[in-house]
Amino acid sequence: MATKVDKDREKILQVEVKRRRVKAGGGYEPFWKLKDLDVALVDEDTEFRCKDCGGALKVFKSHKAGVPVAHAEHKERADSEYCATGLHFKKATDGREPRPSAHPVE
């Protein structure tokens, strides 16, 4: 049964993870790849950002039965307030438009 706390939490299940690929001229270059969070955790990825605003995320892993599945939440409230997937954005009634994070993860 879902509690009030569960309903008032963000549950971001798809994130971007930082990967690297070989450049044409040699060496590596970083890039961001979209992944389901549970797959990223199995793959042991360590750098995450929001797929919509590029903001920093806090990851919650699920290890026990009865605990919500692995999910992520925005670290900064401002990101949640102006990100299309943010809980505070969804609750807003002032007609705000989504925008990129003021402090995106590079």
N, C-alpha and C. Protein backbone atom coordinates (compact mmCIF):
# COMPACT_ATOMS: atom_id res chain seq x y z
N MET A 1 0.84 -1.18 0.00
CA MET A 1 0.00 0.00 0.00
C MET A 1 0.89 1.25 0.00
N ALA A 2 0.63 2.18 -0.86
CA ALA A 2 1.43 3.40 -0.97
C ALA A 2 1.09 4.35 0.17
N THR A 3 2.13 4.92 0.74
CA THR A 3 1.93 5.88 1.82
C THR A 3 1.98 7.28 1.25
N LYS A 4 1.65 8.26 2.08
CA LYS A 4 1.69 9.66 1.64
C LYS A 4 3.11 10.05 1.24
N VAL A 5 4.09 9.54 1.97
CA VAL A 5 5.49 9.84 1.65
C VAL A 5 5.83 9.34 0.25
N ASP A 6 5.38 8.13 -0.11
CA ASP A 6 5.67 7.58 -1.43
C ASP A 6 5.07 8.44 -2.53
N LYS A 7 3.86 8.95 -2.33
CA LYS A 7 3.21 9.76 -3.35
C LYS A 7 3.90 11.11 -3.54
N ASP A 8 4.55 11.61 -2.51
CA ASP A 8 5.19 12.92 -2.57
C ASP A 8 6.67 12.86 -2.92
N ARG A 9 7.09 11.78 -3.53
CA ARG A 9 8.49 11.64 -3.91
C ARG A 9 8.60 11.49 -5.42
N GLU A 10 9.66 12.05 -5.95
CA GLU A 10 9.93 11.86 -7.38
C GLU A 10 10.38 10.43 -7.59
N LYS A 11 10.05 9.90 -8.71
CA LYS A 11 10.52 8.56 -9.06
C LYS A 11 10.97 8.59 -10.52
N ILE A 12 12.19 9.01 -10.72
CA ILE A 12 12.76 9.06 -12.06
C ILE A 12 13.37 7.69 -12.33
N LEU A 13 12.88 7.03 -13.37
CA LEU A 13 13.32 5.66 -13.66
C LEU A 13 14.23 5.58 -14.88
N GLN A 14 14.26 6.63 -15.72
CA GLN A 14 15.18 6.69 -16.85
C GLN A 14 16.13 7.86 -16.64
N VAL A 15 17.41 7.62 -16.81
CA VAL A 15 18.43 8.64 -16.59
C VAL A 15 19.42 8.61 -17.74
N GLU A 16 20.26 9.63 -17.79
CA GLU A 16 21.40 9.61 -18.72
C GLU A 16 22.63 9.22 -17.91
N VAL A 17 23.45 8.34 -18.47
CA VAL A 17 24.70 7.93 -17.82
C VAL A 17 25.87 8.38 -18.69
N LYS A 18 26.95 8.73 -18.04
CA LYS A 18 28.13 9.20 -18.77
C LYS A 18 28.93 8.00 -19.26
N ARG A 19 29.18 7.99 -20.54
CA ARG A 19 29.97 6.95 -21.19
C ARG A 19 31.10 7.62 -21.96
N ARG A 20 31.98 6.83 -22.53
CA ARG A 20 33.01 7.40 -23.39
C ARG A 20 33.17 6.52 -24.62
N ARG A 21 33.55 7.16 -25.71
CA ARG A 21 33.73 6.44 -26.97
C ARG A 21 35.04 6.90 -27.61
N VAL A 22 35.51 6.10 -28.53
CA VAL A 22 36.77 6.40 -29.22
C VAL A 22 36.52 7.51 -30.24
N LYS A 23 37.37 8.53 -30.20
CA LYS A 23 37.28 9.62 -31.18
C LYS A 23 37.96 9.18 -32.48
N ALA A 24 37.54 9.81 -33.57
CA ALA A 24 38.10 9.48 -34.89
C ALA A 24 39.60 9.74 -34.93
N GLY A 25 40.06 10.79 -34.27
CA GLY A 25 41.48 11.14 -34.28
C GLY A 25 42.28 10.45 -33.19
N GLY A 26 41.67 9.55 -32.45
CA GLY A 26 42.34 8.86 -31.35
C GLY A 26 41.91 9.43 -30.01
N GLY A 27 42.06 8.65 -28.99
CA GLY A 27 41.65 9.06 -27.66
C GLY A 27 40.16 8.80 -27.43
N TYR A 28 39.65 9.35 -26.35
CA TYR A 28 38.25 9.13 -25.99
C TYR A 28 37.53 10.46 -25.81
N GLU A 29 36.21 10.42 -26.00
CA GLU A 29 35.38 11.58 -25.74
C GLU A 29 34.17 11.13 -24.92
N PRO A 30 33.74 11.95 -23.97
CA PRO A 30 32.57 11.57 -23.18
C PRO A 30 31.27 11.86 -23.93
N PHE A 31 30.24 11.09 -23.63
CA PHE A 31 28.90 11.35 -24.16
C PHE A 31 27.89 10.80 -23.15
N TRP A 32 26.65 11.24 -23.27
CA TRP A 32 25.59 10.81 -22.36
C TRP A 32 24.66 9.84 -23.08
N LYS A 33 24.36 8.73 -22.43
CA LYS A 33 23.51 7.69 -23.01
C LYS A 33 22.28 7.49 -22.12
N LEU A 34 21.11 7.41 -22.73
CA LEU A 34 19.86 7.19 -22.02
C LEU A 34 19.75 5.72 -21.62
N LYS A 35 19.44 5.47 -20.33
CA LYS A 35 19.30 4.10 -19.83
C LYS A 35 18.22 4.05 -18.76
N ASP A 36 17.62 2.89 -18.59
CA ASP A 36 16.77 2.66 -17.44
C ASP A 36 17.69 2.58 -16.22
N LEU A 37 17.26 3.15 -15.11
CA LEU A 37 18.12 3.22 -13.93
C LEU A 37 18.50 1.84 -13.42
N ASP A 38 17.57 0.90 -13.40
CA ASP A 38 17.90 -0.43 -12.89
C ASP A 38 18.98 -1.10 -13.75
N VAL A 39 18.96 -0.89 -15.05
CA VAL A 39 19.99 -1.43 -15.95
C VAL A 39 21.33 -0.73 -15.68
N ALA A 40 21.30 0.58 -15.49
CA ALA A 40 22.52 1.34 -15.22
C ALA A 40 23.18 0.87 -13.92
N LEU A 41 22.37 0.55 -12.92
CA LEU A 41 22.92 0.06 -11.66
C LEU A 41 23.54 -1.32 -11.82
N VAL A 42 22.92 -2.19 -12.60
CA VAL A 42 23.49 -3.51 -12.86
C VAL A 42 24.80 -3.36 -13.63
N ASP A 43 24.85 -2.40 -14.57
CA ASP A 43 26.05 -2.15 -15.36
C ASP A 43 27.12 -1.40 -14.56
N GLU A 44 26.80 -1.04 -13.32
CA GLU A 44 27.70 -0.33 -12.42
C GLU A 44 28.11 1.04 -12.95
N ASP A 45 27.20 1.73 -13.64
CA ASP A 45 27.46 3.11 -14.04
C ASP A 45 27.51 3.98 -12.78
N THR A 46 28.29 5.05 -12.82
CA THR A 46 28.47 5.86 -11.62
C THR A 46 28.10 7.33 -11.79
N GLU A 47 27.99 7.81 -13.03
CA GLU A 47 27.66 9.22 -13.26
C GLU A 47 26.30 9.31 -13.92
N PHE A 48 25.37 10.01 -13.24
CA PHE A 48 23.99 10.11 -13.71
C PHE A 48 23.58 11.57 -13.83
N ARG A 49 22.62 11.84 -14.73
CA ARG A 49 21.98 13.15 -14.80
C ARG A 49 20.57 12.96 -15.33
N CYS A 50 19.73 13.97 -15.12
CA CYS A 50 18.35 13.92 -15.57
C CYS A 50 18.30 13.97 -17.10
N LYS A 51 17.47 13.13 -17.68
CA LYS A 51 17.37 13.07 -19.15
C LYS A 51 16.68 14.29 -19.72
N ASP A 52 15.90 15.03 -18.91
CA ASP A 52 15.16 16.18 -19.42
C ASP A 52 15.85 17.51 -19.16
N CYS A 53 16.40 17.71 -17.96
CA CYS A 53 16.99 19.02 -17.64
C CYS A 53 18.51 18.98 -17.52
N GLY A 54 19.10 17.79 -17.43
CA GLY A 54 20.55 17.68 -17.30
C GLY A 54 21.05 17.92 -15.88
N GLY A 55 20.13 18.03 -14.92
CA GLY A 55 20.50 18.31 -13.53
C GLY A 55 21.01 17.07 -12.79
N ALA A 56 21.66 17.33 -11.65
CA ALA A 56 22.21 16.25 -10.82
C ALA A 56 21.07 15.47 -10.16
N LEU A 57 21.30 14.17 -10.00
CA LEU A 57 20.31 13.29 -9.40
C LEU A 57 20.88 12.56 -8.20
N LYS A 58 20.01 12.23 -7.26
CA LYS A 58 20.36 11.37 -6.15
C LYS A 58 19.72 10.03 -6.43
N VAL A 59 20.49 8.95 -6.38
CA VAL A 59 20.01 7.62 -6.74
C VAL A 59 19.67 6.84 -5.47
N PHE A 60 18.50 6.20 -5.49
CA PHE A 60 18.06 5.35 -4.39
C PHE A 60 17.99 3.93 -4.92
N LYS A 61 18.79 3.03 -4.33
CA LYS A 61 18.82 1.65 -4.77
C LYS A 61 17.85 0.83 -3.92
N SER A 62 17.26 -0.18 -4.52
CA SER A 62 16.34 -1.07 -3.81
C SER A 62 17.06 -2.37 -3.51
N HIS A 63 17.14 -2.72 -2.22
CA HIS A 63 17.82 -3.95 -1.83
C HIS A 63 16.92 -4.92 -1.09
N LYS A 64 15.76 -4.45 -0.64
CA LYS A 64 14.91 -5.28 0.20
C LYS A 64 13.53 -5.44 -0.41
N ALA A 65 12.89 -6.54 -0.05
CA ALA A 65 11.51 -6.75 -0.49
C ALA A 65 10.61 -5.74 0.20
N GLY A 66 9.63 -5.24 -0.52
CA GLY A 66 8.70 -4.27 0.06
C GLY A 66 9.17 -2.84 -0.03
N VAL A 67 10.39 -2.63 -0.49
CA VAL A 67 10.95 -1.29 -0.64
C VAL A 67 10.70 -0.85 -2.08
N PRO A 68 10.41 0.44 -2.33
CA PRO A 68 10.19 0.89 -3.71
C PRO A 68 11.38 0.53 -4.62
N VAL A 69 11.09 0.34 -5.89
CA VAL A 69 12.14 -0.01 -6.85
C VAL A 69 13.20 1.10 -6.90
N ALA A 70 14.35 0.75 -7.46
CA ALA A 70 15.41 1.74 -7.60
C ALA A 70 14.88 2.93 -8.40
N HIS A 71 15.18 4.13 -7.92
CA HIS A 71 14.72 5.35 -8.59
C HIS A 71 15.68 6.48 -8.26
N ALA A 72 15.50 7.60 -8.93
CA ALA A 72 16.34 8.78 -8.70
C ALA A 72 15.44 9.98 -8.45
N GLU A 73 16.00 10.98 -7.78
CA GLU A 73 15.31 12.25 -7.53
C GLU A 73 16.29 13.37 -7.82
N HIS A 74 15.77 14.54 -8.15
CA HIS A 74 16.63 15.70 -8.36
C HIS A 74 17.30 16.08 -7.03
N LYS A 75 18.59 16.42 -7.09
CA LYS A 75 19.29 16.87 -5.89
C LYS A 75 18.84 18.27 -5.51
N GLU A 76 18.61 19.12 -6.50
CA GLU A 76 18.24 20.51 -6.22
C GLU A 76 16.76 20.73 -6.49
N ARG A 77 16.10 21.40 -5.56
CA ARG A 77 14.68 21.66 -5.70
C ARG A 77 14.39 22.51 -6.94
N ALA A 78 15.28 23.46 -7.25
CA ALA A 78 15.07 24.32 -8.42
C ALA A 78 15.00 23.49 -9.70
N ASP A 79 15.78 22.42 -9.79
CA ASP A 79 15.72 21.55 -10.95
C ASP A 79 14.35 20.87 -11.01
N SER A 80 13.87 20.39 -9.88
CA SER A 80 12.58 19.72 -9.83
C SER A 80 11.43 20.68 -10.16
N GLU A 81 11.60 21.95 -9.81
CA GLU A 81 10.55 22.94 -10.06
C GLU A 81 10.42 23.31 -11.53
N TYR A 82 11.48 23.14 -12.33
CA TYR A 82 11.44 23.54 -13.74
C TYR A 82 11.81 22.42 -14.71
N CYS A 83 11.78 21.17 -14.25
CA CYS A 83 12.03 20.01 -15.11
C CYS A 83 10.71 19.32 -15.37
N ALA A 84 10.48 18.92 -16.61
CA ALA A 84 9.21 18.29 -16.99
C ALA A 84 8.92 17.01 -16.20
N THR A 85 9.95 16.32 -15.73
CA THR A 85 9.73 15.10 -14.94
C THR A 85 9.74 15.38 -13.45
N GLY A 86 10.00 16.61 -13.04
CA GLY A 86 10.09 16.96 -11.63
C GLY A 86 8.75 16.97 -10.92
N LEU A 87 8.73 16.48 -9.70
CA LEU A 87 7.51 16.43 -8.90
C LEU A 87 6.95 17.83 -8.67
N HIS A 88 7.81 18.79 -8.33
CA HIS A 88 7.35 20.15 -8.05
C HIS A 88 6.84 20.84 -9.31
N PHE A 89 7.41 20.51 -10.47
CA PHE A 89 6.92 21.05 -11.74
C PHE A 89 5.51 20.54 -12.02
N LYS A 90 5.30 19.25 -11.80
CA LYS A 90 3.99 18.65 -12.05
C LYS A 90 2.91 19.19 -11.12
N LYS A 91 3.31 19.56 -9.90
CA LYS A 91 2.35 20.09 -8.93
C LYS A 91 2.07 21.58 -9.13
N ALA A 92 2.93 22.28 -9.86
CA ALA A 92 2.80 23.73 -10.03
C ALA A 92 1.53 24.06 -10.81
N THR A 93 0.89 25.17 -10.43
CA THR A 93 -0.33 25.60 -11.10
C THR A 93 -0.18 26.97 -11.74
N ASP A 94 1.06 27.46 -11.82
CA ASP A 94 1.29 28.81 -12.35
C ASP A 94 1.62 28.85 -13.85
N GLY A 95 1.51 27.72 -14.54
CA GLY A 95 1.74 27.70 -15.99
C GLY A 95 3.20 27.80 -16.39
N ARG A 96 4.11 27.44 -15.51
CA ARG A 96 5.54 27.55 -15.83
C ARG A 96 5.94 26.62 -16.97
N GLU A 97 7.01 26.98 -17.63
CA GLU A 97 7.56 26.20 -18.75
C GLU A 97 8.81 25.46 -18.27
N PRO A 98 9.03 24.24 -18.76
CA PRO A 98 10.26 23.54 -18.37
C PRO A 98 11.49 24.23 -18.95
N ARG A 99 12.61 24.10 -18.25
CA ARG A 99 13.86 24.70 -18.72
C ARG A 99 15.03 23.82 -18.27
N PRO A 100 16.18 23.96 -18.89
CA PRO A 100 17.36 23.20 -18.48
C PRO A 100 17.82 23.60 -17.08
N SER A 101 18.56 22.72 -16.44
CA SER A 101 19.10 23.00 -15.12
C SER A 101 20.04 24.19 -15.16
N ALA A 102 20.02 25.00 -14.10
CA ALA A 102 20.95 26.12 -13.99
C ALA A 102 22.37 25.62 -13.74
N HIS A 103 22.49 24.40 -13.21
CA HIS A 103 23.79 23.79 -12.92
C HIS A 103 23.83 22.38 -13.49
N PRO A 104 23.88 22.25 -14.82
CA PRO A 104 23.84 20.92 -15.43
C PRO A 104 25.10 20.12 -15.14
N VAL A 105 24.94 18.80 -15.11
CA VAL A 105 26.07 17.90 -14.94
C VAL A 105 26.75 17.80 -16.30
N GLU A 106 28.01 18.08 -16.36
CA GLU A 106 28.75 18.07 -17.65
C GLU A 106 29.39 16.74 -17.88
